[in-house]
C-alpha atoms as a PDB file:
ATOM      1  CA  MET A   1     -20.247-101.548  -9.036  1.00  0.00           C
ATOM      2  CA  ARG A   2     -21.091 -98.645  -6.749  1.00  0.00           C
ATOM      3  CA  LYS A   3     -17.567 -97.238  -6.600  1.00  0.00           C
ATOM      4  CA  TRP A   4     -17.347 -97.175 -10.490  1.00  0.00           C
ATOM      5  CA  TRP A   5     -20.888 -95.644 -10.829  1.00  0.00           C
ATOM      6  CA  LEU A   6     -20.552 -92.737  -8.342  1.00  0.00           C
ATOM      7  CA  PRO A   7     -17.616 -91.173  -9.999  1.00  0.00           C
ATOM      8  CA  PHE A   8     -19.175 -91.676 -13.495  1.00  0.00           C
ATOM      9  CA  LEU A   9     -22.225 -89.493 -11.900  1.00  0.00           C
ATOM     10  CA  ALA A  10     -19.970 -86.900 -11.057  1.00  0.00           C
ATOM     11  CA  LEU A  11     -18.244 -86.687 -14.577  1.00  0.00           C
ATOM     12  CA  THR A  12     -21.648 -86.792 -16.134  1.00  0.00           C
ATOM     13  CA  ILE A  13     -22.817 -83.895 -14.173  1.00  0.00           C
ATOM     14  CA  ALA A  14     -19.892 -81.976 -14.987  1.00  0.00           C
ATOM     15  CA  ALA A  15     -20.080 -82.895 -18.869  1.00  0.00           C
ATOM     16  CA  ALA A  16     -23.715 -81.908 -18.852  1.00  0.00           C
ATOM     17  CA  ALA A  17     -22.966 -78.503 -17.512  1.00  0.00           C
ATOM     18  CA  GLY A  18     -20.745 -77.772 -20.536  1.00  0.00           C
ATOM     19  CA  PRO A  19     -16.736 -77.397 -20.599  1.00  0.00           C
ATOM     20  CA  ALA A  20     -16.609 -73.744 -19.651  1.00  0.00           C
ATOM     21  CA  SER A  21     -18.562 -73.720 -16.391  1.00  0.00           C
ATOM     22  CA  ALA A  22     -17.997 -75.418 -12.814  1.00  0.00           C
ATOM     23  CA  VAL A  23     -20.383 -77.847 -11.286  1.00  0.00           C
ATOM     24  CA  THR A  24     -21.094 -78.221  -7.554  1.00  0.00           C
ATOM     25  CA  VAL A  25     -21.191 -81.749  -6.245  1.00  0.00           C
ATOM     26  CA  TRP A  26     -21.905 -83.081  -2.886  1.00  0.00           C
ATOM     27  CA  ARG A  27     -19.625 -85.884  -1.480  1.00  0.00           C
ATOM     28  CA  TRP A  28     -20.170 -87.729   1.830  1.00  0.00           C
ATOM     29  CA  VAL A  29     -19.142 -91.023   3.409  1.00  0.00           C
ATOM     30  CA  ASP A  30     -21.912 -93.324   4.851  1.00  0.00           C
ATOM     31  CA  GLN A  31     -21.753 -95.452   8.180  1.00  0.00           C
ATOM     32  CA  ASP A  32     -20.418 -98.281   6.232  1.00  0.00           C
ATOM     33  CA  GLY A  33     -17.529 -96.150   4.694  1.00  0.00           C
ATOM     34  CA  VAL A  34     -18.972 -96.032   1.336  1.00  0.00           C
ATOM     35  CA  VAL A  35     -18.359 -92.741  -0.621  1.00  0.00           C
ATOM     36  CA  HIS A  36     -21.345 -90.959  -2.150  1.00  0.00           C
ATOM     37  CA  TYR A  37     -21.723 -88.204  -4.677  1.00  0.00           C
ATOM     38  CA  SER A  38     -25.097 -86.025  -5.379  1.00  0.00           C
ATOM     39  CA  ASP A  39     -26.002 -82.978  -7.486  1.00  0.00           C
ATOM     40  CA  ARG A  40     -28.188 -81.952  -4.345  1.00  0.00           C
ATOM     41  CA  PRO A  41     -27.046 -80.820  -0.806  1.00  0.00           C
ATOM     42  CA  VAL A  42     -27.034 -83.594   1.708  1.00  0.00           C
ATOM     43  CA  GLU A  43     -26.719 -83.187   5.548  1.00  0.00           C
ATOM     44  CA  GLY A  44     -23.074 -83.611   6.432  1.00  0.00           C
ATOM     45  CA  ALA A  45     -21.820 -83.609   2.819  1.00  0.00           C
ATOM     46  CA  ASP A  46     -18.777 -81.766   1.597  1.00  0.00           C
ATOM     47  CA  ARG A  47     -19.376 -79.402  -1.259  1.00  0.00           C
ATOM     48  CA  ILE A  48     -16.966 -79.817  -4.206  1.00  0.00           C
ATOM     49  CA  GLU A  49     -16.419 -77.663  -7.351  1.00  0.00           C
ATOM     50  CA  LEU A  50     -15.806 -79.506 -10.529  1.00  0.00           C
ATOM     51  CA  SER A  51     -14.367 -77.681 -13.388  1.00  0.00           C
ATOM     52  CA  GLY A  52     -15.589 -78.551 -16.896  1.00  0.00           C
ATOM     53  CA  ALA A  53     -15.147 -81.774 -18.772  1.00  0.00           C
ATOM     54  CA  GLN A  54     -11.703 -82.619 -20.243  1.00  0.00           C
ATOM     55  CA  THR A  55     -11.390 -81.898 -23.673  1.00  0.00           C
ATOM     56  CA  PHE A  56      -8.822 -82.684 -26.452  1.00  0.00           C
ATOM     57  CA  PRO A  57      -7.761 -80.539 -29.490  1.00  0.00           C
ATOM     58  CA  GLY A  58      -9.326 -81.455 -32.779  1.00  0.00           C
ATOM     59  CA  ASN A  59      -6.829 -79.976 -35.044  1.00  0.00           C
ATOM     60  CA  PRO A  60      -3.579 -81.909 -35.354  1.00  0.00           C
ATOM     61  CA  ALA A  61      -1.769 -78.947 -36.796  1.00  0.00           C
ATOM     62  CA  ALA A  62      -2.407 -76.949 -33.529  1.00  0.00           C
ATOM     63  CA  THR A  63      -0.988 -79.937 -31.672  1.00  0.00           C
ATOM     64  CA  ILE A  64       2.226 -80.169 -33.612  1.00  0.00           C
ATOM     65  CA  ALA A  65       2.693 -76.295 -33.175  1.00  0.00           C
ATOM     66  CA  ALA A  66       2.050 -76.631 -29.472  1.00  0.00           C
ATOM     67  CA  ARG A  67       5.388 -78.483 -29.017  1.00  0.00           C
ATOM     68  CA  PRO A  68       8.341 -76.344 -27.822  1.00  0.00           C
ATOM     69  CA  GLY A  69      10.697 -75.428 -30.881  1.00  0.00           C
ATOM     70  CA  VAL A  70       8.448 -76.737 -33.620  1.00  0.00           C
ATOM     71  CA  SER A  71       6.577 -74.421 -35.952  1.00  0.00           C
ATOM     72  CA  THR A  72       3.601 -75.328 -37.863  1.00  0.00           C
ATOM     73  CA  GLU A  73       5.216 -74.640 -41.209  1.00  0.00           C
ATOM     74  CA  GLU A  74       8.038 -77.048 -40.490  1.00  0.00           C
ATOM     75  CA  GLU A  75       5.850 -80.241 -39.797  1.00  0.00           C
ATOM     76  CA  ALA A  76       2.367 -79.689 -40.788  1.00  0.00           C
ATOM     77  CA  PRO A  77       2.061 -78.192 -44.385  1.00  0.00           C
ATOM     78  CA  GLU A  78      -1.529 -77.217 -45.147  1.00  0.00           C
ATOM     79  CA  GLN A  79      -3.543 -79.856 -46.808  1.00  0.00           C
ATOM     80  CA  ASP A  80      -7.127 -80.088 -47.367  1.00  0.00           C
ATOM     81  CA  VAL A  81      -7.668 -83.616 -46.276  1.00  0.00           C
ATOM     82  CA  VAL A  82     -11.388 -84.578 -46.439  1.00  0.00           C
ATOM     83  CA  ALA A  83     -12.674 -87.405 -44.212  1.00  0.00           C
ATOM     84  CA  TYR A  84     -13.843 -90.451 -45.957  1.00  0.00           C
ATOM     85  CA  ARG A  85     -17.559 -91.090 -45.740  1.00  0.00           C
ATOM     86  CA  ARG A  86     -17.796 -94.386 -47.253  1.00  0.00           C
ATOM     87  CA  PHE A  87     -15.120 -97.265 -47.637  1.00  0.00           C
ATOM     88  CA  GLU A  88     -16.261-100.814 -48.415  1.00  0.00           C
ATOM     89  CA  ILE A  89     -15.262-103.828 -50.315  1.00  0.00           C
ATOM     90  CA  VAL A  90     -17.888-104.435 -53.032  1.00  0.00           C
ATOM     91  CA  SER A  91     -16.201-107.478 -54.764  1.00  0.00           C
ATOM     92  CA  PRO A  92     -15.731-110.055 -53.639  1.00  0.00           C
ATOM     93  CA  ALA A  93     -19.032-109.956 -51.788  1.00  0.00           C
ATOM     94  CA  GLN A  94     -19.679-111.202 -48.363  1.00  0.00           C
ATOM     95  CA  GLN A  95     -19.981-115.028 -48.294  1.00  0.00           C
ATOM     96  CA  GLU A  96     -19.379-115.266 -52.186  1.00  0.00           C
ATOM     97  CA  THR A  97     -17.732-118.106 -53.667  1.00  0.00           C
ATOM     98  CA  LEU A  98     -15.201-117.495 -56.302  1.00  0.00           C
ATOM     99  CA  TRP A  99     -14.338-120.288 -58.867  1.00  0.00           C
ATOM    100  CA  ASN A 100     -11.186-120.758 -60.630  1.00  0.00           C
ATOM    101  CA  ILE A 101      -9.484-117.461 -60.065  1.00  0.00           C
ATOM    102  CA  GLY A 102      -6.062-118.805 -60.924  1.00  0.00           C
ATOM    103  CA  GLY A 103      -4.529-117.724 -57.707  1.00  0.00           C
ATOM    104  CA  THR A 104      -5.111-113.848 -58.322  1.00  0.00           C
ATOM    105  CA  LEU A 105      -8.014-112.274 -56.541  1.00  0.00           C
ATOM    106  CA  THR A 106      -9.475-108.991 -58.082  1.00  0.00           C
ATOM    107  CA  VAL A 107     -10.930-106.815 -55.320  1.00  0.00           C
ATOM    108  CA  THR A 108     -13.081-103.734 -55.858  1.00  0.00           C
ATOM    109  CA  VAL A 109     -13.664-100.993 -53.309  1.00  0.00           C
ATOM    110  CA  GLN A 110     -16.004 -98.085 -53.100  1.00  0.00           C
ATOM    111  CA  LEU A 111     -14.600 -94.849 -51.779  1.00  0.00           C
ATOM    112  CA  GLU A 112     -16.373 -91.420 -51.118  1.00  0.00           C
ATOM    113  CA  PRO A 113     -14.671 -89.019 -51.713  1.00  0.00           C
ATOM    114  CA  ALA A 114     -12.038 -90.273 -53.931  1.00  0.00           C
ATOM    115  CA  LEU A 115      -8.775 -91.352 -52.557  1.00  0.00           C
ATOM    116  CA  GLN A 116      -6.640 -88.363 -51.470  1.00  0.00           C
ATOM    117  CA  PRO A 117      -3.416 -87.279 -52.849  1.00  0.00           C
ATOM    118  CA  GLY A 118      -0.618 -89.331 -51.121  1.00  0.00           C
ATOM    119  CA  HIS A 119      -3.040 -92.103 -49.805  1.00  0.00           C
ATOM    120  CA  ARG A 120      -2.811 -95.457 -51.083  1.00  0.00           C
ATOM    121  CA  LEU A 121      -4.803 -98.803 -50.812  1.00  0.00           C
ATOM    122  CA  ASP A 122      -3.689-102.114 -49.445  1.00  0.00           C
ATOM    123  CA  VAL A 123      -5.548-105.143 -48.238  1.00  0.00           C
ATOM    124  CA  TYR A 124      -5.519-107.566 -45.235  1.00  0.00           C
ATOM    125  CA  LEU A 125      -5.841-111.070 -46.466  1.00  0.00           C
ATOM    126  CA  ASP A 126      -6.419-113.465 -43.570  1.00  0.00           C
ATOM    127  CA  GLY A 127      -4.798-110.938 -41.221  1.00  0.00           C
ATOM    128  CA  GLU A 128      -1.665-110.337 -43.129  1.00  0.00           C
ATOM    129  CA  ARG A 129      -1.210-107.053 -44.934  1.00  0.00           C
ATOM    130  CA  ARG A 130      -0.310-107.353 -48.546  1.00  0.00           C
ATOM    131  CA  ASN A 131       1.281-103.796 -49.061  1.00  0.00           C
ATOM    132  CA  LEU A 132       0.081-103.223 -52.608  1.00  0.00           C
ATOM    133  CA  GLY A 133       0.032 -99.521 -52.637  1.00  0.00           C
ATOM    134  CA  ALA A 134      -2.562 -99.294 -55.148  1.00  0.00           C
ATOM    135  CA  THR A 135      -4.043 -95.974 -56.291  1.00  0.00           C
ATOM    136  CA  SER A 136      -7.059 -97.531 -58.027  1.00  0.00           C
ATOM    137  CA  THR A 137     -10.258 -98.892 -56.455  1.00  0.00           C
ATOM    138  CA  GLU A 138      -9.467-102.141 -58.229  1.00  0.00           C
ATOM    139  CA  LEU A 139      -6.748-104.190 -56.877  1.00  0.00           C
ATOM    140  CA  SER A 140      -5.265-107.446 -57.750  1.00  0.00           C
ATOM    141  CA  VAL A 141      -4.009-109.603 -54.869  1.00  0.00           C
ATOM    142  CA  PRO A 142      -1.761-112.364 -55.823  1.00  0.00           C
ATOM    143  CA  GLU A 143      -1.320-115.874 -54.309  1.00  0.00           C
ATOM    144  CA  VAL A 144      -5.053-116.380 -53.102  1.00  0.00           C
ATOM    145  CA  HIS A 145      -5.626-120.040 -53.211  1.00  0.00           C
ATOM    146  CA  ARG A 146      -8.596-122.372 -52.591  1.00  0.00           C
ATOM    147  CA  GLY A 147     -10.201-121.998 -49.132  1.00  0.00           C
ATOM    148  CA  VAL A 148     -12.180-119.659 -46.717  1.00  0.00           C
ATOM    149  CA  HIS A 149     -10.505-116.185 -46.658  1.00  0.00           C
ATOM    150  CA  THR A 150     -11.180-113.043 -44.806  1.00  0.00           C
ATOM    151  CA  LEU A 151     -10.399-109.552 -46.592  1.00  0.00           C
ATOM    152  CA  GLN A 152     -10.345-106.029 -45.132  1.00  0.00           C
ATOM    153  CA  GLY A 153      -9.244-102.928 -47.294  1.00  0.00           C
ATOM    154  CA  VAL A 154      -7.061-100.312 -45.762  1.00  0.00           C
ATOM    155  CA  ILE A 155      -6.169 -96.830 -46.598  1.00  0.00           C
ATOM    156  CA  VAL A 156      -2.599 -95.665 -45.758  1.00  0.00           C
ATOM    157  CA  ASP A 157      -0.702 -92.463 -46.026  1.00  0.00           C
ATOM    158  CA  GLN A 158       2.763 -91.649 -47.400  1.00  0.00           C
ATOM    159  CA  SER A 159       4.501 -93.251 -44.351  1.00  0.00           C
ATOM    160  CA  GLY A 160       2.405 -96.392 -44.431  1.00  0.00           C
ATOM    161  CA  SER A 161       0.377 -95.461 -41.523  1.00  0.00           C
ATOM    162  CA  GLU A 162      -3.179 -96.780 -41.595  1.00  0.00           C
ATOM    163  CA  ILE A 163      -5.972 -94.114 -41.687  1.00  0.00           C
ATOM    164  CA  LEU A 164      -8.986 -96.120 -42.200  1.00  0.00           C
ATOM    165  CA  ARG A 165     -10.051 -99.892 -42.445  1.00  0.00           C
ATOM    166  CA  SER A 166     -13.079-101.370 -44.060  1.00  0.00           C
ATOM    167  CA  LEU A 167     -15.323-103.999 -42.711  1.00  0.00           C
ATOM    168  CA  ALA A 168     -14.183-107.574 -43.064  1.00  0.00           C
ATOM    169  CA  VAL A 169     -15.649-109.703 -45.904  1.00  0.00           C
ATOM    170  CA  THR A 170     -15.477-113.516 -45.938  1.00  0.00           C
ATOM    171  CA  PHE A 171     -15.274-115.332 -48.944  1.00  0.00           C
ATOM    172  CA  MET A 172     -14.588-118.657 -50.464  1.00  0.00           C
ATOM    173  CA  VAL A 173     -12.213-119.812 -53.428  1.00  0.00           C
ATOM    174  CA  GLN A 174     -12.973-123.166 -55.019  1.00  0.00           C
ATOM    175  CA  GLN A 175     -11.106-124.791 -57.799  1.00  0.00           C
ATOM    176  CA  THR A 176     -12.664-127.080 -60.357  1.00  0.00           C
ATOM    177  CA  SER A 177     -11.290-130.692 -60.018  1.00  0.00           C
ATOM    178  CA  VAL A 178      -8.973-132.093 -62.714  1.00  0.00           C
ATOM    179  CA  GLN A 179     -10.660-135.346 -62.334  1.00  0.00           C
ATOM    180  CA  ASN A 180     -14.083-134.017 -62.985  1.00  0.00           C
ATOM    181  CA  PRO A 181     -13.717-130.388 -64.803  1.00  0.00           C
ATOM    182  CA  PHE A 182     -17.493-130.206 -65.489  1.00  0.00           C
ATOM    183  CA  ASN A 183     -18.576-130.474 -61.885  1.00  0.00           C
ATOM    184  CA  ARG A 184     -18.726-127.156 -60.212  1.00  0.00           C
ATOM    185  CA  THR A 185     -20.842-128.548 -57.214  1.00  0.00           C
ATOM    186  CA  PRO A 186     -18.965-128.025 -54.086  1.00  0.00           C
ATOM    187  CA  PRO A 187     -18.069-131.327 -52.164  1.00  0.00           C
ATOM    188  CA  GLY A 188     -20.664-132.423 -49.850  1.00  0.00           C
ATOM    189  CA  ARG A 189     -23.581-131.064 -51.852  1.00  0.00           C
ATOM    190  CA  ARG A 190     -24.091-133.786 -54.515  1.00  0.00           C
ATOM    191  CA  ASN A 191     -27.678-134.725 -55.214  1.00  0.00           C
END
């Protein structure tokens, strides 16, 4: 525990000072051989200068252009891609029971902003991607039979790579019995 926490302290101090400045940290080893760090001078400690916190570029186009022999124009055409602020499944609702859907599930999602050019909607039903490639916020998922299911929406780009997933929704599909077509009460809940 102590070994993990002490380097974390040094990194926290460096991050608090900002990425452009250096931070002085004091390092010493006690009589038990345990290494310590401090932001204040301690008798017998070694002075260490830490550079700023490690950062990563936020612009994917800059990353592509930074590779040798590749220009930005070749691989990263300019696009005004807007981040999705909202992506959720609104139908079926969480813990909803659907009756007699005939094997086809209608899924409705909410997106803000609207689906971007080149992006498509798919779903994961019970952990299996269905590859629907829909461009509408209402999707039809075939072969959804009686039972308990989990559903997640996913936004994919032109290459089929995932951009964003929604939270999972759990729902049930029930089928009216042929032997008693007027009874819609689930088994085990009879009065």
